Protein backbone atom coordinates (compact mmCIF):
# COMPACT_ATOMS: atom_id res chain seq x y z
CA UNK A 1 -37.89 -40.12 -75.57
CA UNK A 2 -39.05 -43.35 -73.85
CA UNK A 3 -40.83 -41.96 -70.19
CA UNK A 4 -40.37 -45.30 -68.57
CA UNK A 5 -37.12 -45.38 -69.07
CA UNK A 6 -36.35 -42.20 -68.06
CA UNK A 7 -38.47 -43.14 -64.61
CA UNK A 8 -36.33 -45.87 -64.14
CA UNK A 9 -33.13 -43.99 -64.27
CA UNK A 10 -34.25 -40.90 -62.15
CA UNK A 11 -32.44 -41.38 -58.72
CA UNK A 12 -29.74 -38.90 -57.04
CA UNK A 13 -26.41 -38.48 -58.52
CA UNK A 14 -23.80 -36.22 -59.06
CA UNK A 15 -23.66 -33.57 -61.48
CA UNK A 16 -20.12 -34.10 -62.34
CA UNK A 17 -19.14 -30.63 -62.88
CA UNK A 18 -15.69 -31.86 -61.29
CA UNK A 19 -14.20 -35.04 -60.29
CA UNK A 20 -14.30 -35.88 -57.63
CA UNK A 21 -17.66 -34.01 -56.89
CA UNK A 22 -17.64 -30.72 -54.47
CA UNK A 23 -18.71 -33.15 -51.38
CA UNK A 24 -15.09 -34.85 -51.52
CA UNK A 25 -13.99 -31.08 -50.59
CA UNK A 26 -12.64 -30.92 -47.30
CA UNK A 27 -11.48 -28.07 -44.61
CA UNK A 28 -8.23 -29.91 -44.16
CA UNK A 29 -7.19 -27.92 -47.57
CA UNK A 30 -5.82 -24.47 -46.69
CA UNK A 31 -3.77 -21.53 -47.77
CA UNK A 32 -0.41 -23.29 -47.88
CA UNK A 33 -1.29 -26.22 -50.20
CA UNK A 34 -3.27 -23.75 -52.37
CA UNK A 35 -0.12 -21.89 -52.84
CA UNK A 36 1.94 -25.00 -53.77
CA UNK A 37 -0.55 -25.96 -56.42
CA UNK A 38 -0.63 -22.40 -57.44
CA UNK A 39 3.14 -22.85 -58.15
CA UNK A 40 2.92 -26.52 -59.65
CA UNK A 41 0.05 -25.55 -61.78
CA UNK A 42 2.56 -23.61 -64.15
CA UNK A 43 4.52 -26.34 -65.23
CA UNK A 44 0.94 -28.67 -65.63
CA UNK A 45 -1.68 -28.76 -68.74
CA UNK A 46 -3.29 -26.89 -69.76
CA UNK A 47 -1.05 -24.47 -69.90
CA UNK A 48 -3.63 -21.59 -70.59
CA UNK A 49 -5.31 -19.74 -67.79
CA UNK A 50 -9.09 -19.47 -67.22
CA UNK A 51 -10.28 -16.80 -64.39
CA UNK A 52 -13.22 -16.83 -62.78
CA UNK A 53 -14.96 -13.78 -61.14
CA UNK A 54 -17.73 -14.38 -58.53
CA UNK A 55 -20.32 -11.55 -57.87
CA UNK A 56 -22.28 -12.64 -54.54
CA UNK A 57 -25.09 -9.58 -55.21
CA UNK A 58 -28.52 -9.57 -56.40
CA UNK A 59 -31.36 -6.73 -56.48
CA UNK A 60 -33.91 -9.75 -55.20
CA UNK A 61 -33.29 -13.36 -54.75
CA UNK A 62 -34.89 -15.95 -56.96
CA UNK A 63 -36.48 -18.70 -54.87
CA UNK A 64 -35.26 -21.43 -57.58
CA UNK A 65 -31.72 -20.26 -56.81
CA UNK A 66 -28.88 -22.64 -55.70
CA UNK A 67 -25.95 -19.96 -56.07
CA UNK A 68 -24.13 -18.34 -53.25
CA UNK A 69 -25.45 -14.87 -53.14
CA UNK A 70 -27.14 -12.44 -51.11
CA UNK A 71 -29.65 -8.89 -51.34
CA UNK A 72 -27.45 -6.10 -52.89
CA UNK A 73 -25.31 -4.12 -49.97
CA UNK A 74 -24.54 -0.67 -49.58
CA UNK A 75 -21.97 0.82 -52.10
CA UNK A 76 -19.58 0.76 -49.23
CA UNK A 77 -19.90 -2.75 -48.92
CA UNK A 78 -19.52 -3.52 -52.60
CA UNK A 79 -16.63 -1.12 -52.91
CA UNK A 80 -14.99 -3.03 -50.39
CA UNK A 81 -15.58 -6.33 -52.01
CA UNK A 82 -14.53 -5.26 -55.13
CA UNK A 83 -11.04 -4.08 -53.24
CA UNK A 84 -10.58 -7.57 -51.90
CA UNK A 85 -11.36 -9.60 -55.02
CA UNK A 86 -8.59 -7.12 -56.96
CA UNK A 87 -6.33 -8.12 -53.99
CA UNK A 88 -6.98 -11.48 -54.53
CA UNK A 89 -6.16 -11.08 -57.79
CA UNK A 90 -2.57 -9.34 -57.18
CA UNK A 91 -1.99 -12.15 -54.65
CA UNK A 92 -2.83 -15.19 -56.87
CA UNK A 93 -0.91 -14.00 -59.52
CA UNK A 94 2.09 -13.05 -58.00
CA UNK A 95 2.06 -17.18 -58.23
CA UNK A 96 1.50 -17.31 -61.95
CA UNK A 97 4.18 -17.74 -64.70
CA UNK A 98 3.34 -14.49 -66.69
CA UNK A 99 4.26 -16.06 -69.87
CA UNK A 100 1.19 -18.17 -69.65
CA UNK A 101 -1.83 -16.72 -71.66
CA UNK A 102 -5.39 -15.78 -70.98
CA UNK A 103 -8.13 -17.78 -72.67
CA UNK A 104 -11.17 -17.57 -70.55
CA UNK A 105 -12.63 -15.17 -68.01
CA UNK A 106 -16.02 -15.94 -66.80
CA UNK A 107 -18.00 -13.84 -64.19
CA UNK A 108 -21.00 -15.37 -62.31
CA UNK A 109 -22.67 -14.94 -59.48
CA UNK A 110 -25.07 -13.85 -57.95
CA UNK A 111 -25.51 -11.00 -60.72
CA UNK A 112 -22.76 -9.64 -62.07
CA UNK A 113 -24.29 -6.80 -63.54
CA UNK A 114 -26.04 -5.80 -60.50
CA UNK A 115 -22.60 -3.53 -59.30
CA UNK A 116 -21.50 -0.64 -61.16
CA UNK A 117 -19.92 -1.34 -64.55
CA UNK A 118 -17.21 1.11 -62.98
CA UNK A 119 -16.22 -1.70 -60.38
CA UNK A 120 -16.61 -4.34 -63.07
CA UNK A 121 -13.97 -2.35 -65.14
CA UNK A 122 -11.45 -2.07 -62.25
CA UNK A 123 -11.42 -5.74 -61.61
CA UNK A 124 -11.20 -6.52 -65.20
CA UNK A 125 -7.90 -3.99 -65.42
CA UNK A 126 -6.44 -6.02 -62.50
CA UNK A 127 -7.05 -9.11 -64.51
CA UNK A 128 -5.30 -7.80 -67.95
CA UNK A 129 -2.47 -6.22 -66.25
CA UNK A 130 -0.26 -9.10 -65.92
CA UNK A 131 -1.23 -11.62 -68.50
CA UNK A 132 -1.27 -11.73 -72.41
CA UNK A 133 -4.42 -13.16 -73.95
CA UNK A 134 -4.93 -15.71 -76.85
CA UNK A 135 -6.50 -14.27 -79.95
CA UNK A 136 -9.75 -16.08 -79.45
CA UNK A 137 -10.23 -15.51 -75.66
CA UNK A 138 -13.56 -16.05 -74.26
CA UNK A 139 -14.51 -13.29 -72.02
CA UNK A 140 -18.26 -13.88 -70.73
CA UNK A 141 -20.57 -12.54 -68.13
CA UNK A 142 -23.88 -13.91 -67.07
CA UNK A 143 -26.29 -11.38 -66.53
CA UNK A 144 -30.05 -10.55 -65.23
CA UNK A 145 -31.71 -9.13 -68.67
CA UNK A 146 -34.23 -7.02 -65.74
CA UNK A 147 -31.21 -4.49 -65.10
CA UNK A 148 -29.23 -4.44 -68.29
CA UNK A 149 -29.28 -1.56 -70.00
CA UNK A 150 -28.17 -0.97 -73.70
CA UNK A 151 -25.40 1.51 -72.28
CA UNK A 152 -24.29 -1.23 -70.50
CA UNK A 153 -23.98 -3.67 -73.35
CA UNK A 154 -21.52 -0.87 -74.74
CA UNK A 155 -19.73 -0.52 -71.82
CA UNK A 156 -19.29 -4.12 -71.56
CA UNK A 157 -17.95 -4.66 -75.19
CA UNK A 158 -15.30 -1.64 -74.09
CA UNK A 159 -14.27 -3.47 -71.49
CA UNK A 160 -13.24 -6.56 -73.49
CA UNK A 161 -16.65 -8.73 -72.98
CA UNK A 162 -17.29 -10.60 -76.32
CA UNK A 163 -20.32 -13.33 -74.71
CA UNK A 164 -23.06 -12.56 -72.89
CA UNK A 165 -25.30 -14.92 -71.03
CA UNK A 166 -28.76 -13.62 -70.32
CA UNK A 167 -30.76 -15.37 -67.52
CA UNK A 168 -34.39 -15.45 -69.24
CA UNK A 169 -35.45 -18.41 -66.95
CA UNK A 170 -39.11 -18.19 -68.53
CA UNK A 171 -41.05 -15.65 -70.63
CA UNK A 172 -44.08 -15.93 -68.78
CA UNK A 173 -44.55 -13.04 -65.98
CA UNK A 174 -46.61 -14.84 -63.91
CA UNK A 175 -44.08 -17.87 -64.03
CA UNK A 176 -41.18 -15.47 -62.98
CA UNK A 177 -43.27 -13.78 -60.15
CA UNK A 178 -43.75 -17.10 -58.81
CA UNK A 179 -40.20 -17.25 -58.17
CA UNK A 180 -39.72 -13.71 -57.70
CA UNK A 181 -37.66 -12.87 -60.39
CA UNK A 182 -38.23 -9.38 -62.68
CA UNK A 183 -38.70 -9.91 -66.33
CA UNK A 184 -36.30 -8.07 -68.78
CA UNK A 185 -36.85 -4.67 -68.75
CA UNK A 186 -36.55 -4.46 -72.41
CA UNK A 187 -37.42 -6.96 -75.15
CA UNK A 188 -35.25 -9.50 -75.07
CA UNK A 189 -34.81 -9.53 -78.83
CA UNK A 190 -33.86 -5.84 -78.67
CA UNK A 191 -31.07 -6.45 -76.43
CA UNK A 192 -29.69 -9.55 -78.42
CA UNK A 193 -30.02 -7.48 -81.54
CA UNK A 194 -28.05 -4.59 -80.12
CA UNK A 195 -25.57 -7.23 -78.81
CA UNK A 196 -24.66 -8.19 -82.05
CA UNK A 197 -24.33 -4.86 -83.57
CA UNK A 198 -22.06 -3.86 -80.69
CA UNK A 199 -19.79 -6.84 -81.91
CA UNK A 200 -20.44 -9.34 -79.33
CA UNK A 201 -19.06 -12.72 -80.58
CA UNK A 202 -21.94 -15.23 -78.88
CA UNK A 203 -24.89 -14.41 -77.26
CA UNK A 204 -26.64 -17.16 -74.89
CA UNK A 205 -30.06 -17.68 -73.16
CA UNK A 206 -30.83 -19.67 -70.43
CA UNK A 207 -33.99 -21.39 -69.55
CA UNK A 208 -35.42 -23.33 -66.68
CA UNK A 209 -37.91 -25.82 -66.71
CA UNK A 210 -39.30 -27.73 -63.84
CA UNK A 211 -40.50 -24.11 -62.40
CA UNK A 212 -44.24 -23.70 -60.59
CA UNK A 213 -46.97 -22.77 -63.16
CA UNK A 214 -44.99 -24.26 -66.00
CA UNK A 215 -47.00 -26.44 -68.34
CA UNK A 216 -45.62 -28.28 -71.33
CA UNK A 217 -47.47 -25.50 -73.51
CA UNK A 218 -45.80 -22.29 -71.44
CA UNK A 219 -42.69 -24.06 -71.67
CA UNK A 220 -43.38 -24.27 -75.49
CA UNK A 221 -43.99 -20.69 -76.05
CA UNK A 222 -40.88 -19.41 -74.24
CA UNK A 223 -39.02 -21.90 -76.94
CA UNK A 224 -40.09 -20.64 -79.86
CA UNK A 225 -40.00 -16.93 -78.42
CA UNK A 226 -36.41 -17.90 -77.62
CA UNK A 227 -35.83 -19.00 -81.32
CA UNK A 228 -37.17 -16.29 -82.89
CA UNK A 229 -34.84 -14.25 -80.80
CA UNK A 230 -32.11 -16.57 -82.51
CA UNK A 231 -29.43 -16.78 -79.94
CA UNK A 232 -25.94 -18.28 -80.99
CA UNK A 233 -26.69 -21.09 -77.97
CA UNK A 234 -29.53 -21.76 -75.79
CA UNK A 235 -29.51 -23.62 -72.55
CA UNK A 236 -32.55 -25.24 -70.98
CA UNK A 237 -32.04 -26.24 -67.39
CA UNK A 238 -33.63 -28.74 -65.44
CA UNK A 239 -34.50 -26.94 -62.13
CA UNK A 240 -32.84 -29.08 -59.15
CA UNK A 241 -34.87 -29.06 -56.30
CA UNK A 242 -32.71 -29.29 -52.75
CA UNK A 243 -34.31 -27.43 -50.22
CA UNK A 244 -31.90 -29.41 -47.90
CA UNK A 245 -29.52 -27.17 -49.37
CA UNK A 246 -31.30 -23.96 -50.17
CA UNK A 247 -34.20 -23.96 -47.85
CA UNK A 248 -35.30 -20.94 -49.76
CA UNK A 249 -36.46 -23.23 -52.57
CA UNK A 250 -39.29 -24.55 -50.07
CA UNK A 251 -41.23 -21.52 -50.97
CA UNK A 252 -42.01 -22.91 -54.41
CA UNK A 253 -43.65 -25.94 -53.21
CA UNK A 254 -46.56 -23.82 -51.62
CA UNK A 255 -47.16 -22.97 -55.43
CA UNK A 256 -46.89 -26.63 -57.00
CA UNK A 257 -43.97 -27.81 -59.01
CA UNK A 258 -44.37 -29.60 -62.15
CA UNK A 259 -44.55 -33.45 -61.72
CA UNK A 260 -41.61 -35.94 -63.39
CA UNK A 261 -43.85 -36.54 -66.33
CA UNK A 262 -44.55 -32.70 -67.20
CA UNK A 263 -40.78 -32.04 -66.83
CA UNK A 264 -39.84 -34.79 -69.17
CA UNK A 265 -42.68 -33.58 -71.70
CA UNK A 266 -40.99 -30.27 -71.22
CA UNK A 267 -37.41 -31.00 -72.20
CA UNK A 268 -38.79 -33.35 -75.07
CA UNK A 269 -40.93 -30.53 -76.54
CA UNK A 270 -37.70 -27.92 -76.42
CA UNK A 271 -35.63 -30.48 -77.62
CA UNK A 272 -37.96 -30.81 -81.08
CA UNK A 273 -38.48 -27.33 -81.14
CA UNK A 274 -34.93 -26.33 -81.25
CA UNK A 275 -33.76 -29.25 -83.21
CA UNK A 276 -36.22 -28.73 -85.96
CA UNK A 277 -35.05 -25.00 -85.79
CA UNK A 278 -31.83 -26.24 -86.82
CA UNK A 279 -29.99 -26.13 -83.30
CA UNK A 280 -27.87 -28.93 -82.31
CA UNK A 281 -28.27 -30.41 -78.98
CA UNK A 282 -24.64 -30.50 -77.36
CA UNK A 283 -24.21 -32.55 -74.29
CA UNK A 284 -26.87 -32.74 -71.34
CA UNK A 285 -28.73 -29.46 -71.76
CA UNK A 286 -26.97 -27.14 -74.46
CA UNK A 287 -27.83 -26.36 -77.85
CA UNK A 288 -26.00 -24.45 -80.29
CA UNK A 289 -26.19 -23.40 -84.00
CA UNK A 290 -24.14 -25.31 -86.40
CA UNK A 291 -21.32 -23.51 -86.96
CA UNK A 292 -20.98 -22.70 -83.24
CA UNK A 293 -17.40 -23.82 -81.67
CA UNK A 294 -18.88 -25.91 -79.05
CA UNK A 295 -20.74 -27.72 -81.43
CA UNK A 296 -17.69 -28.40 -83.69
CA UNK A 297 -15.99 -29.53 -80.46
CA UNK A 298 -18.57 -32.04 -79.85
CA UNK A 299 -18.32 -33.79 -83.12
CA UNK A 300 -14.68 -34.04 -82.97
CA UNK A 301 -14.76 -35.25 -79.40
CA UNK A 302 -12.69 -32.30 -77.73
CA UNK A 303 -15.55 -30.64 -75.91
CA UNK A 304 -14.69 -29.96 -72.25
CA UNK A 305 -16.52 -28.99 -69.05
CA UNK A 306 -15.61 -27.03 -65.81
CA UNK A 307 -17.85 -25.57 -63.28
CA UNK A 308 -18.64 -22.42 -65.54
CA UNK A 309 -20.40 -24.95 -68.38
CA UNK A 310 -18.97 -26.31 -71.47
CA UNK A 311 -16.07 -25.15 -73.20
CA UNK A 312 -13.74 -26.34 -76.10
CA UNK A 313 -9.94 -27.66 -75.62
CA UNK A 314 -8.87 -24.82 -77.17
CA UNK A 315 -10.61 -22.03 -74.63
CA UNK A 316 -9.86 -24.49 -71.68
CA UNK A 317 -7.30 -23.46 -69.30
CA UNK A 318 -6.90 -24.52 -65.23
CA UNK A 319 -9.18 -21.95 -63.59
CA UNK A 320 -8.15 -19.49 -60.77
CA UNK A 321 -11.26 -18.40 -58.89
CA UNK A 322 -12.08 -15.21 -57.04
CA UNK A 323 -14.66 -13.71 -54.91
CA UNK A 324 -16.83 -15.72 -52.31
CA UNK A 325 -17.41 -19.35 -53.14
CA UNK A 326 -15.71 -19.42 -56.03
CA UNK A 327 -13.20 -22.63 -57.11
CA UNK A 328 -10.21 -23.01 -58.47
CA UNK A 329 -9.85 -25.70 -60.69
CA UNK A 330 -6.07 -26.83 -61.36
CA UNK A 331 -4.85 -29.92 -62.83
CA UNK A 332 -3.99 -31.33 -59.10
CA UNK A 333 -6.36 -29.48 -57.04
CA UNK A 334 -9.77 -27.89 -56.34
CA UNK A 335 -9.59 -24.64 -54.09
CA UNK A 336 -12.75 -23.20 -52.68
CA UNK A 337 -13.00 -20.04 -51.16
CA UNK A 338 -14.99 -18.94 -48.17
CA UNK A 339 -19.00 -18.38 -48.84
CA UNK A 340 -19.32 -15.54 -46.01
CA UNK A 341 -18.96 -12.39 -47.49
CA UNK A 342 -17.77 -10.71 -44.25
CA UNK A 343 -15.28 -13.51 -43.56
CA UNK A 344 -13.89 -13.36 -47.26
CA UNK A 345 -13.14 -9.72 -46.95
CA UNK A 346 -11.55 -9.78 -43.75
CA UNK A 347 -9.37 -12.67 -44.64
CA UNK A 348 -8.28 -11.06 -47.99
CA UNK A 349 -7.63 -8.09 -46.50
CA UNK A 350 -5.19 -9.52 -44.01
CA UNK A 351 -3.84 -12.39 -45.84
CA UNK A 352 -4.83 -11.98 -49.62
CA UNK A 353 -6.33 -15.66 -49.19
CA UNK A 354 -9.76 -16.52 -48.12
CA UNK A 355 -9.70 -20.56 -48.43
CA UNK A 356 -12.35 -22.53 -46.73
CA UNK A 357 -11.91 -26.09 -48.37
CA UNK A 358 -10.35 -28.13 -50.93
CA UNK A 359 -9.14 -31.44 -52.54
CA UNK A 360 -5.65 -32.66 -53.70
CA UNK A 361 -5.83 -35.15 -57.00
CA UNK A 362 -4.17 -38.43 -57.04
CA UNK A 363 -3.17 -39.64 -60.34
CA UNK A 364 -5.97 -42.13 -60.13
CA UNK A 365 -8.27 -39.24 -59.48
CA UNK A 366 -7.14 -37.35 -62.74
CA UNK A 367 -7.74 -40.63 -64.35
CA UNK A 368 -11.37 -41.45 -63.08
CA UNK A 369 -11.86 -37.30 -63.90
CA UNK A 370 -10.67 -37.81 -67.44
CA UNK A 371 -12.94 -40.83 -67.77
CA UNK A 372 -16.13 -39.35 -66.26
CA UNK A 373 -15.15 -35.82 -68.40
CA UNK A 374 -15.23 -38.09 -71.77
CA UNK A 375 -18.51 -39.52 -71.03
CA UNK A 376 -20.21 -36.36 -69.54
CA UNK A 377 -18.53 -34.14 -72.45
CA UNK A 378 -18.40 -36.24 -75.47
CA UNK A 379 -20.48 -39.03 -74.80
CA UNK A 380 -17.93 -41.56 -75.86
CA UNK A 381 -15.26 -43.06 -74.01
CA UNK A 382 -11.87 -45.02 -75.39
CA UNK A 383 -10.01 -47.11 -72.80
CA UNK A 384 -7.25 -46.91 -75.21
CA UNK A 385 -7.10 -43.24 -75.34
CA UNK A 386 -7.15 -42.42 -71.94
CA UNK A 387 -4.47 -45.31 -71.60
CA UNK A 388 -2.08 -43.46 -74.07
CA UNK A 389 -3.02 -40.26 -72.59
CA UNK A 390 -1.21 -41.58 -69.08
CA UNK A 391 1.07 -44.07 -70.67
CA UNK A 392 -0.24 -47.30 -68.94
CA UNK A 393 -2.01 -50.19 -69.87
CA UNK A 394 -5.80 -50.67 -71.02
CA UNK A 395 -6.51 -52.88 -68.01
CA UNK A 396 -4.96 -50.45 -65.37
CA UNK A 397 -7.52 -47.89 -66.31
CA UNK A 398 -10.18 -50.63 -66.08
CA UNK A 399 -8.75 -51.44 -62.43
CA UNK A 400 -8.38 -47.94 -61.71
CA UNK A 401 -12.10 -46.93 -62.27
CA UNK A 402 -13.13 -50.31 -61.17
CA UNK A 403 -15.11 -51.45 -64.02
CA UNK A 404 -16.75 -54.40 -65.31
CA UNK A 405 -18.89 -54.83 -68.21
CA UNK A 406 -21.53 -56.32 -66.12
CA UNK A 407 -22.27 -52.68 -64.99
CA UNK A 408 -23.66 -51.77 -68.23
CA UNK A 409 -25.60 -54.47 -68.69
CA UNK A 410 -28.69 -52.64 -68.15
CA UNK A 411 -27.94 -49.65 -70.03
CA UNK A 412 -27.38 -51.94 -73.41
CA UNK A 413 -30.44 -53.86 -72.46
CA UNK A 414 -32.24 -50.57 -72.83
CA UNK A 415 -30.67 -49.59 -75.93
CA UNK A 416 -28.60 -46.47 -74.36
CA UNK A 417 -25.33 -47.34 -75.42
CA UNK A 418 -23.07 -49.57 -77.25
CA UNK A 419 -19.70 -51.02 -75.62
CA UNK A 420 -17.23 -53.38 -77.44
CA UNK A 421 -13.32 -53.26 -77.40
CA UNK A 422 -12.92 -50.78 -74.70
CA UNK A 423 -15.04 -48.11 -76.18
CA UNK A 424 -18.30 -46.85 -75.03
CA UNK A 425 -20.49 -44.94 -77.35
CA UNK A 426 -23.91 -43.20 -76.37
CA UNK A 427 -26.75 -43.85 -78.29
CA UNK A 428 -29.43 -40.84 -78.46
CA UNK A 429 -31.48 -41.97 -75.75
CA UNK A 430 -28.06 -42.50 -73.62
CA UNK A 431 -28.01 -38.60 -73.34
CA UNK A 432 -30.99 -38.28 -71.31
CA UNK A 433 -29.33 -40.72 -68.23
CA UNK A 434 -25.64 -39.62 -69.10
CA UNK A 435 -25.05 -38.77 -65.22
CA UNK A 436 -26.33 -42.63 -64.44
CA UNK A 437 -23.79 -44.00 -67.21
CA UNK A 438 -20.89 -42.07 -65.81
CA UNK A 439 -21.52 -43.06 -62.19
CA UNK A 440 -20.94 -46.84 -63.79
CA UNK A 441 -17.16 -45.47 -63.78
CA UNK A 442 -17.30 -43.68 -60.29
CA UNK A 443 -15.57 -45.89 -57.69
CA UNK A 444 -16.01 -43.29 -55.48
CA UNK A 445 -20.04 -43.12 -55.06
CA UNK A 446 -19.90 -45.94 -52.21
CA UNK A 447 -17.18 -43.76 -50.04
CA UNK A 448 -19.63 -40.63 -49.92
CA UNK A 449 -23.08 -40.32 -47.84
CA UNK A 450 -23.76 -36.86 -49.79
CA UNK A 451 -27.13 -36.21 -50.65
CA UNK A 452 -27.57 -35.11 -54.68
CA UNK A 453 -30.19 -33.98 -56.53
CA UNK A 454 -31.95 -36.54 -59.27
CA UNK A 455 -30.48 -37.35 -62.43
CA UNK A 456 -33.40 -36.56 -64.89
């Protein structure tokens, strides 16, 4: 890794979990527009359905967190929230074609396993009641191992979950304490062993680098422990310090945050240790075993991405989100629910919807989205392939993304990419600045005053 190159490109930019980014969502988009796009989505691609369930509760709040969550309320509040989510599921489902199949369900938060398994089961029953599932449907949940019991794993398997993602963040108790996070209640290796015995098809471990008290050596120790546990996938997230969005993150500044050089050294150390252990680097921050479907999709240039993370084209569906702050990612629109817990429950109880803002995509937006997605997911772009997908000329694609080859001059000079005959291919070093490269194909960047985290 060339540190000077990384420093050069380390500037604010979108994460491109959607295109256009969520900063373009606006409050002129409401219930009526959502209903229109729910109905339209039945005849658009992808045909499959993905569901997202947001649980906005945590037993305690981690200082680094950028998610929409709050301290776990009384059981009465949780019960009311669960009932609201179930009503929202029923309302949205009434507009969907029941012949469409569900290929993915993802639970996020917050801390989904902070609520009772009985409540989780009730919501899952509502999701299952009207739809058939594909044979390889991925049903996943993000879990905090501090509150995960072995019995919980058994019950989640019976409910139908087949992938769990454990938010380890770091194995060092001192580091976890500095960010107000409890360590795993049981040895993580024992939890993962039990998951595999119980029949889970996939286990993920999530780590974060860039936290107070972390050093290159301490992060290497966390990586080594993770390798010994042998998860199917491992994610090393770069901590995004955005205190202007999440004021609680300011608390971390008092303990000192690693420098850019230290963060990059952590990433580099993790990359070398994981690849030496046989994991394949996939996309920006994911590592998967060679036989994992993510790696296979990556090799075949069919990797995809939504707000829930990387996925394959096979399991990708249009996403219908439920709960506070959840985002529905349809082919023609993005719809986000209100973030306020009380407002969400009241609006759902009254109308079945809690839309706060959204964005309707034009054909140009969709084409730009495909261009950005190909770069961000597969490190590859073919103007010819995109043109064929939309039955238009390559020149029209170039005009829509306002592309000119001189925008790539710096990347080529720094040996980050190859580009010829309308085909872009990232080199190994290019993946470290993939967001910057994608930005060269984004004409909307100049039309937003949004603040973004830095790209590295």
